[in-house]
Amino acid sequence: MFCLCLPQIFKMLKTPVVFLLFCLVGAASALYKQWISDTNYENKTNWDKGEVPCGSDTVQFSSQREVSVFVETAHAVQEMSLPLEGEFILNSGAGFYVGQDPGCGEGVTTQFKDSESLHWFNPALWQAAATLNDLQQGNFLFSVHEESVPCQYDDVVFKALSSFRVDTSSSQTNIPVKSVSVLGKMFDQRPEFSQYLSSRSGRLQFHGSSAVTVGNPSCEDPSGCDCGNSVNHQQICSTITCTPTSCKKSLLPVGHCCEVCGAIVSIRYTTGFNLQTYRERIRHLFLIQPQYKSIQLGMSKVFKSQRLMGIIPFGTSPEIQVVILDGEEEAQSEALARAIVKDASSHGSVLGITEAKFQVSSGSSSEDSGGNVGMVVGVVVGVLLMIALVSIMVVLVLKGVVQIPSMSFVRMWMNKSEIGDLGGPLDRGFDNPMFDKPIQLPDVGLYGSEINHSVHITQTGVHFVNPAYDENETDFNA
């Protein structure tokens, strides 16, 4: 069954062309992000034979799939199988008829490709531009993977004379953006766009577990705003296949899924820095030069984790990340990174830049020459920490919080420390001149000097010799 919905189409479109809809019922600095794929009838990549069907062909749409198809002109077909649910959006003069096409040759059966696998969070399906004019002229911007997908402050554009179907499934309930343009009409108010999403066209074009919401405020920070796609990093990267790198030291930019060969410039800024102005400066100052024509450069605000002495994390800080990917000649990325850092050092006070440094996949960086300085700073910091610890200990001792061990305790500890492991010196407990100094017994006593020879002192005790026993006798005399 077909239904004609002319009033809805005329209200939605701002173009002077005439559309007919056949519903097949059967069952700050924000950027512009444009959806690349479409489900247009005239797009030969949408057909399994790689060609648009002609008058001798049989056209088939999968009966189990939903689809929205834009038709720009009139087409002759031999036969057409329609899906259970879908729509044709017809341009002025567009339609279908049964007729002969002399240039078509023998007819074939051609199938319209499945569009269910086109996901919102696939960076390869989006292109970005700073303005609508740049979008129309093809002046696209390079971005890291997270920011290739529409950010929360971006304007999303679906081509005016085009149909599409996109899967918005994600781990989040909503996908917030600033605005969405569909078939020439821009939606920036949530109630109006929600009403469109609930319409037949909206359900056919947007499907999935997450709802796209519009009306997000613009980025009011001149230095840029966080994209907000880090929560979807894993899902975004699941659509990317990384290729091995051939450089000496590959780099991994913040928000990117793959290691790259090139350079990363990190810029710290202060009040007065404007991301959009600086992006235009880099474009007109460097990227228009012939030696940089094959360079891909992306610039965005990111939050990097901070570490005390390079080890202990203690929070994050915002900075501008400039990612430079190698072009035809690998050395050009390093040359451009050095030029950007030099420009920032010379004009930083005017641009609102306080520090700029870079690292390159060749292994060099702007910190190479300052290695000795960094070592000295590290030693100084270590000494200051030692002084601080000693000072704290002295204060604790003076206040009685910590007590110094007495000398008797130290002496006892030292005596105990003389005892080794099993087989070491015998622990005698305490000093006893009678046992500790056996060779200094006096020669005088009750029995005179003879006693000295009848007493034997060993490590195991004292033994007395019985004078009535003659140790030289071997026989017993009764």
Protein backbone atom coordinates (compact mmCIF):
# COMPACT_ATOMS: atom_id res chain seq x y z
CA MET A 1 0.00 0.00 0.00
CA PHE A 2 1.27 3.48 -0.87
CA CYS A 3 0.52 6.68 0.97
CA LEU A 4 1.08 10.21 -0.37
CA CYS A 5 2.55 12.67 2.13
CA LEU A 6 3.12 15.88 0.15
CA PRO A 7 2.27 18.45 2.91
CA GLN A 8 4.87 17.04 5.30
CA ILE A 9 7.62 17.10 2.67
CA PHE A 10 6.90 20.68 1.57
CA LYS A 11 6.90 21.85 5.16
CA MET A 12 10.20 20.12 5.88
CA LEU A 13 12.17 21.23 2.82
CA LYS A 14 13.39 24.73 2.08
CA THR A 15 14.21 24.02 -1.59
CA PRO A 16 11.94 24.98 -4.50
CA VAL A 17 11.89 21.48 -5.95
CA VAL A 18 8.80 19.30 -5.79
CA PHE A 19 8.87 16.06 -3.82
CA LEU A 20 6.55 13.12 -3.71
CA LEU A 21 6.68 10.59 -0.93
CA PHE A 22 5.54 7.02 -1.41
CA CYS A 23 5.38 5.17 1.88
CA LEU A 24 5.78 1.47 1.39
CA VAL A 25 3.65 0.11 4.21
CA GLY A 26 3.59 -3.58 4.89
CA ALA A 27 4.52 -4.32 8.05
CA ALA A 28 32.66 27.09 20.47
CA SER A 29 33.74 27.16 17.95
CA ALA A 30 31.69 24.24 16.92
CA LEU A 31 32.33 22.43 13.67
CA TYR A 32 29.99 21.16 11.01
CA LYS A 33 29.97 17.36 10.74
CA GLN A 34 28.43 15.94 7.57
CA TRP A 35 27.25 12.34 7.09
CA ILE A 36 28.98 10.86 4.05
CA SER A 37 26.92 7.76 3.21
CA ASP A 38 23.51 7.89 1.58
CA THR A 39 20.79 5.56 0.35
CA ASN A 40 20.16 7.44 -2.92
CA TYR A 41 18.82 5.47 -5.86
CA GLU A 42 21.33 7.09 -8.24
CA ASN A 43 24.36 6.16 -6.13
CA LYS A 44 25.85 3.13 -7.89
CA THR A 45 27.70 2.05 -4.74
CA ASN A 46 24.31 1.25 -3.21
CA TRP A 47 23.77 -1.61 -5.72
CA ASP A 48 25.38 -5.02 -5.62
CA LYS A 49 26.27 -4.90 -9.34
CA GLY A 50 28.01 -1.54 -8.94
CA GLU A 51 25.66 0.09 -11.48
CA VAL A 52 22.31 1.89 -11.30
CA PRO A 53 19.52 -0.39 -12.66
CA CYS A 54 18.27 0.26 -16.19
CA GLY A 55 15.07 -0.55 -18.10
CA SER A 56 15.83 -4.23 -18.66
CA ASP A 57 16.78 -4.95 -15.04
CA THR A 58 14.81 -6.43 -12.18
CA VAL A 59 15.18 -4.33 -9.02
CA GLN A 60 14.98 -5.95 -5.61
CA PHE A 61 14.78 -4.43 -2.14
CA SER A 62 15.14 -6.83 0.77
CA SER A 63 11.70 -7.58 2.14
CA GLN A 64 13.05 -7.89 5.69
CA ARG A 65 14.79 -4.49 5.76
CA GLU A 66 13.52 -0.96 6.28
CA VAL A 67 14.87 1.67 3.92
CA SER A 68 14.51 5.32 2.91
CA VAL A 69 15.52 6.01 -0.71
CA PHE A 70 15.84 9.37 -2.46
CA VAL A 71 15.12 9.29 -6.23
CA GLU A 72 16.40 12.25 -8.24
CA THR A 73 15.17 11.46 -11.78
CA ALA A 74 12.82 9.12 -13.66
CA HIS A 75 13.93 5.50 -14.12
CA ALA A 76 12.74 2.67 -16.35
CA VAL A 77 12.60 -0.77 -14.75
CA GLN A 78 11.44 -4.18 -15.87
CA GLU A 79 10.26 -5.28 -12.44
CA MET A 80 10.64 -4.08 -8.84
CA SER A 81 10.29 -5.95 -5.53
CA LEU A 82 9.54 -3.59 -2.64
CA PRO A 83 10.38 -3.98 1.07
CA LEU A 84 7.69 -4.54 3.67
CA GLU A 85 8.31 -1.07 5.09
CA GLY A 86 10.18 1.84 3.56
CA GLU A 87 9.84 5.05 1.59
CA PHE A 88 10.80 6.67 -1.71
CA ILE A 89 11.52 10.41 -1.61
CA LEU A 90 10.96 11.64 -5.19
CA ASN A 91 12.50 14.78 -6.62
CA SER A 92 10.55 16.91 -9.12
CA GLY A 93 10.05 14.81 -12.23
CA ALA A 94 11.36 11.66 -10.61
CA GLY A 95 9.53 8.33 -10.71
CA PHE A 96 9.49 4.82 -12.20
CA TYR A 97 8.00 3.40 -15.38
CA VAL A 98 8.13 0.14 -17.33
CA GLY A 99 9.78 0.63 -20.67
CA GLN A 100 12.51 -0.45 -23.03
CA ASP A 101 16.01 0.97 -22.75
CA PRO A 102 18.02 0.28 -25.95
CA GLY A 103 21.33 0.95 -24.24
CA CYS A 104 20.62 -1.35 -21.31
CA GLY A 105 21.39 -4.68 -22.94
CA GLU A 106 20.28 -7.93 -21.40
CA GLY A 107 18.51 -7.47 -18.15
CA VAL A 108 19.93 -8.59 -14.80
CA THR A 109 18.62 -8.83 -11.27
CA THR A 110 20.20 -6.19 -9.08
CA GLN A 111 19.89 -5.93 -5.29
CA PHE A 112 19.87 -2.75 -3.21
CA LYS A 113 22.60 -3.07 -0.58
CA ASP A 114 21.88 -3.41 3.10
CA SER A 115 22.32 -0.12 5.00
CA GLU A 116 21.77 -1.51 8.51
CA SER A 117 25.50 -1.60 9.31
CA LEU A 118 26.11 2.16 8.95
CA HIS A 119 26.88 3.35 12.49
CA TRP A 120 26.83 6.88 13.89
CA PHE A 121 30.09 6.25 15.81
CA ASN A 122 32.11 5.24 12.75
CA PRO A 123 34.62 8.10 12.14
CA ALA A 124 35.05 7.05 8.50
CA LEU A 125 31.42 8.02 7.76
CA TRP A 126 31.81 11.70 8.73
CA GLN A 127 33.63 14.73 7.33
CA ALA A 128 34.19 18.00 9.22
CA ALA A 129 34.49 21.65 8.21
CA ALA A 130 34.80 24.95 10.07
CA THR A 131 31.95 26.62 8.14
CA LEU A 132 29.05 25.64 5.91
CA ASN A 133 30.85 27.27 2.99
CA ASP A 134 33.91 25.08 3.60
CA LEU A 135 31.61 22.06 3.81
CA GLN A 136 30.12 22.82 0.40
CA GLN A 137 33.52 23.54 -1.17
CA GLY A 138 35.12 20.41 0.24
CA ASN A 139 37.56 22.16 2.59
CA PHE A 140 37.46 19.42 5.20
CA LEU A 141 39.36 19.30 8.46
CA PHE A 142 41.35 16.39 9.84
CA SER A 143 40.47 15.30 13.38
CA VAL A 144 41.42 12.55 15.80
CA HIS A 145 38.97 9.65 15.79
CA GLU A 146 36.94 10.80 18.80
CA GLU A 147 36.36 14.22 17.25
CA SER A 148 35.63 12.92 13.75
CA VAL A 149 32.27 11.80 15.14
CA PRO A 150 29.89 14.72 15.99
CA CYS A 151 30.75 16.35 19.31
CA GLN A 152 28.21 17.78 21.73
CA TYR A 153 28.64 21.35 20.36
CA ASP A 154 28.62 20.44 16.64
CA ASP A 155 26.07 21.03 13.91
CA VAL A 156 25.20 17.76 12.16
CA VAL A 157 24.37 17.91 8.46
CA PHE A 158 22.70 15.30 6.26
CA LYS A 159 22.78 16.35 2.61
CA ALA A 160 19.67 18.14 1.42
CA LEU A 161 18.93 16.05 -1.69
CA SER A 162 19.72 12.77 -0.05
CA SER A 163 18.30 9.90 1.97
CA PHE A 164 20.11 7.91 4.63
CA ARG A 165 19.80 5.32 7.37
CA VAL A 166 22.04 5.46 10.44
CA ASP A 167 22.32 3.22 13.50
CA THR A 168 22.64 5.34 16.67
CA SER A 169 23.10 2.47 19.14
CA SER A 170 25.54 3.18 21.98
CA SER A 171 26.02 2.69 25.71
CA GLN A 172 24.47 6.12 26.34
CA THR A 173 20.77 6.95 26.34
CA ASN A 174 21.16 10.19 24.37
CA ILE A 175 23.57 11.59 21.80
CA PRO A 176 23.59 15.37 22.35
CA VAL A 177 24.46 17.76 19.49
CA LYS A 178 23.79 21.41 18.76
CA SER A 179 21.59 20.90 15.69
CA VAL A 180 20.67 18.41 12.96
CA SER A 181 19.87 19.28 9.33
CA VAL A 182 17.76 16.75 7.40
CA LEU A 183 16.57 17.25 3.80
CA GLY A 184 17.37 20.95 3.95
CA LYS A 185 15.66 21.71 7.27
CA MET A 186 17.65 22.45 10.41
CA PHE A 187 16.35 21.23 13.77
CA ASP A 188 17.76 23.00 16.84
CA GLN A 189 14.78 22.67 19.20
CA ARG A 190 14.32 19.38 21.03
CA PRO A 191 10.48 19.11 20.87
CA GLU A 192 10.40 19.70 17.12
CA PHE A 193 13.17 17.20 16.38
CA SER A 194 11.65 14.61 18.72
CA GLN A 195 8.42 14.92 16.75
CA TYR A 196 10.32 14.35 13.51
CA LEU A 197 12.09 11.28 14.92
CA SER A 198 8.73 9.76 15.78
CA SER A 199 7.47 10.25 12.20
CA ARG A 200 7.74 7.52 9.55
CA SER A 201 10.70 9.22 7.84
CA GLY A 202 12.46 9.77 11.15
CA ARG A 203 12.07 6.12 12.18
CA LEU A 204 13.41 4.94 8.82
CA GLN A 205 16.38 7.31 8.82
CA PHE A 206 17.40 7.01 12.51
CA HIS A 207 17.31 3.67 14.27
CA GLY A 208 19.09 2.20 17.28
CA SER A 209 19.04 2.22 21.08
CA SER A 210 20.20 5.84 21.55
CA ALA A 211 18.25 8.96 20.66
CA VAL A 212 19.92 11.93 18.98
CA THR A 213 18.97 15.12 20.86
CA VAL A 214 19.40 18.69 19.63
CA GLY A 215 19.45 22.04 21.41
CA ASN A 216 22.79 21.64 23.15
CA PRO A 217 24.23 25.12 23.84
CA SER A 218 27.12 26.49 21.82
CA CYS A 219 30.66 26.37 23.15
CA GLU A 220 31.18 29.72 24.89
CA ASP A 221 34.86 29.19 25.66
CA PRO A 222 37.09 30.86 23.01
CA SER A 223 39.84 28.35 23.81
CA GLY A 224 37.52 25.49 22.78
CA CYS A 225 35.46 22.92 24.64
CA ASP A 226 35.77 19.23 25.35
CA CYS A 227 34.24 17.15 22.58
CA GLY A 228 32.53 14.80 25.03
CA ASN A 229 33.14 11.62 23.03
CA SER A 230 35.72 10.10 25.37
CA VAL A 231 32.89 8.09 26.95
CA ASN A 232 32.37 6.49 23.54
CA HIS A 233 36.08 5.91 22.86
CA GLN A 234 35.88 2.12 22.93
CA GLN A 235 32.88 1.98 20.60
CA ILE A 236 34.50 4.45 18.18
CA CYS A 237 37.75 2.50 18.10
CA SER A 238 35.91 -0.78 17.52
CA THR A 239 35.12 0.46 14.01
CA ILE A 240 38.74 1.29 13.21
CA THR A 241 41.39 -1.06 11.82
CA CYS A 242 44.87 0.23 12.62
CA THR A 243 47.74 -0.35 10.21
CA PRO A 244 51.32 -0.96 11.40
CA THR A 245 53.58 2.09 11.52
CA SER A 246 57.04 2.26 9.99
CA CYS A 247 58.48 5.21 11.90
CA LYS A 248 61.16 5.06 14.61
CA LYS A 249 58.88 6.08 17.48
CA SER A 250 55.14 6.05 16.76
CA LEU A 251 52.90 8.50 18.61
CA LEU A 252 49.41 8.10 20.10
CA PRO A 253 47.47 11.40 20.19
CA VAL A 254 44.80 11.93 22.83
CA GLY A 255 41.43 10.84 21.39
CA HIS A 256 42.96 8.79 18.57
CA CYS A 257 42.61 5.01 18.21
CA CYS A 258 45.85 4.23 16.35
CA GLU A 259 49.49 5.09 16.70
CA VAL A 260 50.69 7.43 13.97
CA CYS A 261 53.85 8.72 12.33
CA GLY A 262 54.22 12.47 12.45
CA ALA A 263 54.38 15.04 15.23
CA ILE A 264 52.32 16.30 18.16
CA VAL A 265 52.58 19.93 19.33
CA SER A 266 51.32 20.61 22.86
CA ILE A 267 50.33 24.22 23.60
CA ARG A 268 49.56 25.74 26.98
CA TYR A 269 47.54 28.92 26.86
CA THR A 270 46.16 31.73 28.97
CA THR A 271 43.37 34.29 28.76
CA GLY A 272 43.08 35.71 25.28
CA PHE A 273 43.73 32.51 23.35
CA ASN A 274 41.16 31.79 20.63
CA LEU A 275 41.15 28.31 19.11
CA GLN A 276 39.33 29.23 15.90
CA THR A 277 41.56 32.25 15.28
CA TYR A 278 44.68 30.19 15.91
CA ARG A 279 43.43 27.41 13.60
CA GLU A 280 43.02 29.98 10.81
CA ARG A 281 46.47 31.39 11.55
CA ILE A 282 48.13 28.00 11.15
CA ARG A 283 46.21 27.36 7.94
CA HIS A 284 47.14 30.66 6.27
CA LEU A 285 50.66 30.88 7.68
CA PHE A 286 51.86 27.32 7.06
CA LEU A 287 49.43 24.94 5.39
CA ILE A 288 49.18 27.00 2.20
CA GLN A 289 52.92 26.54 1.63
CA PRO A 290 53.73 24.01 -1.13
CA GLN A 291 55.97 21.83 1.07
CA TYR A 292 53.08 21.19 3.46
CA LYS A 293 50.37 20.41 0.88
CA SER A 294 50.28 16.69 1.77
CA ILE A 295 50.26 17.27 5.54
CA GLN A 296 47.16 16.42 7.61
CA LEU A 297 46.78 18.68 10.64
CA GLY A 298 44.18 18.46 13.39
CA MET A 299 43.80 20.87 16.30
CA SER A 300 41.62 20.51 19.38
CA LYS A 301 41.37 21.08 23.11
CA VAL A 302 42.21 18.02 25.21
CA PHE A 303 42.74 17.22 28.88
CA LYS A 304 46.03 15.54 29.73
CA SER A 305 46.83 13.84 33.04
CA GLN A 306 49.51 15.54 35.13
CA ARG A 307 52.19 13.60 37.02
CA LEU A 308 54.45 14.74 39.83
CA MET A 309 58.09 14.12 38.79
CA GLY A 310 56.65 12.19 35.86
CA ILE A 311 55.35 9.37 38.11
CA ILE A 312 52.57 10.34 40.53
CA PRO A 313 49.27 11.41 38.87
CA PHE A 314 47.54 14.38 40.45
CA GLY A 315 44.80 15.50 38.04
CA THR A 316 44.34 16.81 34.51
CA SER A 317 45.00 20.12 32.79
CA PRO A 318 43.65 21.50 29.50
CA GLU A 319 45.93 22.14 26.54
CA ILE A 320 45.73 22.50 22.79
CA GLN A 321 46.84 19.42 20.88
CA VAL A 322 48.05 19.87 17.31
CA VAL A 323 48.37 16.52 15.51
CA ILE A 324 50.48 16.53 12.32
CA LEU A 325 50.44 13.42 10.16
CA ASP A 326 53.24 12.72 7.72
CA GLY A 327 52.53 13.31 4.07
CA GLU A 328 54.58 12.17 1.14
CA GLU A 329 57.80 13.16 2.87
CA GLU A 330 58.15 12.15 6.48
CA ALA A 331 60.52 14.99 7.38
CA GLN A 332 57.88 17.65 6.68
CA SER A 333 55.91 16.90 9.85
CA GLU A 334 58.96 17.63 12.02
CA ALA A 335 59.75 20.78 10.06
CA LEU A 336 56.17 22.03 10.49
CA ALA A 337 56.16 21.19 14.22
CA ARG A 338 59.37 23.19 14.73
CA ALA A 339 57.93 26.10 12.75
CA ILE A 340 54.74 26.15 14.85
CA VAL A 341 56.70 26.07 18.12
CA LYS A 342 59.00 28.84 16.89
CA ASP A 343 56.01 30.98 15.89
CA ALA A 344 54.40 30.38 19.30
CA SER A 345 57.62 31.38 21.08
CA SER A 346 57.88 34.59 19.04
CA HIS A 347 54.25 35.69 19.21
CA GLY A 348 52.98 33.85 22.28
CA SER A 349 52.24 37.01 24.25
CA VAL A 350 49.95 38.24 21.47
CA LEU A 351 48.30 34.87 20.82
CA GLY A 352 47.77 34.00 24.49
CA ILE A 353 50.24 31.10 24.41
CA THR A 354 52.47 30.51 27.44
CA GLU A 355 54.32 27.35 26.32
CA ALA A 356 54.67 25.21 23.20
CA LYS A 357 56.60 21.97 22.78
CA PHE A 358 56.57 19.06 20.37
CA GLN A 359 57.49 15.40 19.96
CA VAL A 360 58.16 13.70 16.66
CA SER A 361 57.99 10.09 15.52
CA SER A 362 61.64 10.31 14.47
CA GLY A 363 62.50 10.29 18.18
CA SER A 364 63.44 13.94 18.62
CA SER A 365 61.51 16.52 20.61
CA SER A 366 61.71 20.12 21.74
CA GLU A 367 62.92 18.88 25.14
CA ASP A 368 66.06 17.16 23.83
CA SER A 369 68.25 20.22 24.31
CA GLY A 370 66.92 20.74 27.79
CA GLY A 371 67.77 17.28 29.11
CA ASN A 372 70.57 18.48 31.42
CA VAL A 373 68.37 21.26 32.74
CA GLY A 374 65.68 18.73 33.53
CA MET A 375 68.18 16.55 35.39
CA VAL A 376 69.37 19.52 37.46
CA VAL A 377 65.80 20.45 38.28
CA GLY A 378 65.14 16.87 39.35
CA VAL A 379 68.17 16.84 41.68
CA VAL A 380 67.18 20.18 43.20
CA VAL A 381 63.64 18.95 43.82
CA GLY A 382 65.02 15.77 45.43
CA VAL A 383 67.28 17.76 47.77
CA LEU A 384 64.43 20.06 48.76
CA LEU A 385 62.28 17.04 49.58
CA MET A 386 65.03 15.58 51.78
CA ILE A 387 65.41 18.89 53.62
CA ALA A 388 61.66 19.07 54.13
CA LEU A 389 61.55 15.53 55.56
CA VAL A 390 64.41 16.23 57.97
CA SER A 391 62.76 19.47 59.09
CA ILE A 392 59.47 17.68 59.74
CA MET A 393 61.28 15.01 61.78
CA VAL A 394 63.03 17.63 63.92
CA VAL A 395 59.75 19.41 64.64
CA LEU A 396 58.08 16.14 65.62
CA VAL A 397 60.94 15.29 67.99
CA LEU A 398 60.86 18.73 69.62
CA LYS A 399 57.12 18.48 70.17
CA GLY A 400 57.46 15.01 71.67
CA VAL A 401 55.46 13.30 68.97
CA VAL A 402 58.48 11.16 68.11
CA GLN A 403 60.97 10.00 70.80
CA ILE A 404 64.64 9.20 70.26
CA PRO A 405 65.66 5.73 71.61
CA SER A 406 67.78 5.72 74.83
CA MET A 407 71.49 4.70 74.78
CA SER A 408 70.80 1.54 76.81
CA PHE A 409 68.30 0.46 74.20
CA VAL A 410 70.81 1.16 71.47
CA ARG A 411 73.53 -0.80 73.33
CA MET A 412 71.21 -3.77 73.84
CA TRP A 413 70.25 -3.64 70.17
CA MET A 414 73.93 -3.57 69.19
CA ASN A 415 74.74 -6.59 71.40
CA LYS A 416 71.90 -8.49 69.85
CA SER A 417 73.03 -7.54 66.40
CA GLU A 418 76.33 -9.36 67.04
CA ILE A 419 74.46 -12.66 67.07
CA GLY A 420 74.45 -14.08 63.59
CA ASP A 421 72.45 -16.89 62.16
CA LEU A 422 72.60 -20.45 63.34
CA GLY A 423 76.23 -21.31 64.13
CA GLY A 424 77.12 -17.71 65.19
CA PRO A 425 78.39 -16.54 68.58
CA LEU A 426 76.61 -17.85 71.69
CA ASP A 427 74.24 -15.39 73.37
CA ARG A 428 75.49 -15.12 76.97
CA GLY A 429 72.78 -12.74 78.08
CA PHE A 430 74.85 -10.38 80.35
CA ASP A 431 78.42 -9.66 81.37
CA ASN A 432 79.89 -12.07 83.96
CA PRO A 433 83.63 -11.87 84.59
CA MET A 434 83.59 -15.45 85.86
CA PHE A 435 82.45 -16.80 82.49
CA ASP A 436 83.51 -14.19 79.96
CA LYS A 437 87.17 -14.07 81.11
CA PRO A 438 88.20 -17.63 82.08
CA ILE A 439 91.91 -17.17 81.47
CA GLN A 440 92.20 -14.35 84.05
CA LEU A 441 91.39 -16.44 87.16
CA PRO A 442 93.69 -15.58 90.11
CA ASP A 443 96.49 -17.94 91.05
CA VAL A 444 95.69 -17.64 94.77
CA GLY A 445 92.83 -19.24 96.62
CA LEU A 446 91.97 -21.78 99.26
CA TYR A 447 94.09 -24.47 97.71
CA GLY A 448 96.93 -22.31 96.49
CA SER A 449 98.32 -22.46 92.97
CA GLU A 450 97.36 -26.08 92.41
CA ILE A 451 93.72 -25.23 92.09
CA ASN A 452 94.39 -23.26 88.97
CA HIS A 453 95.48 -26.42 87.19
CA SER A 454 92.55 -28.52 88.35
CA VAL A 455 89.87 -26.20 86.94
CA HIS A 456 88.99 -26.33 83.26
CA ILE A 457 86.68 -23.76 81.73
CA THR A 458 85.14 -24.39 78.32
CA GLN A 459 82.34 -22.91 76.25
CA THR A 460 79.92 -25.40 77.80
CA GLY A 461 80.73 -24.81 81.49
CA VAL A 462 83.26 -25.30 84.36
CA HIS A 463 84.77 -28.71 85.22
CA PHE A 464 86.70 -29.62 88.41
CA VAL A 465 89.28 -32.39 88.49
CA ASN A 466 89.13 -34.75 91.51
CA PRO A 467 92.60 -34.79 93.12
CA ALA A 468 91.97 -38.35 94.42
CA TYR A 469 91.75 -39.55 90.85
CA ASP A 470 94.96 -40.10 89.00
CA GLU A 471 94.28 -39.68 85.33
CA ASN A 472 97.49 -41.63 84.51
CA GLU A 473 96.25 -44.79 86.21
CA THR A 474 94.78 -47.34 83.90
CA ASP A 475 94.07 -50.12 86.47
CA PHE A 476 91.62 -50.04 89.32
CA ASN A 477 93.15 -50.84 92.77
CA ALA A 478 90.82 -51.99 95.45
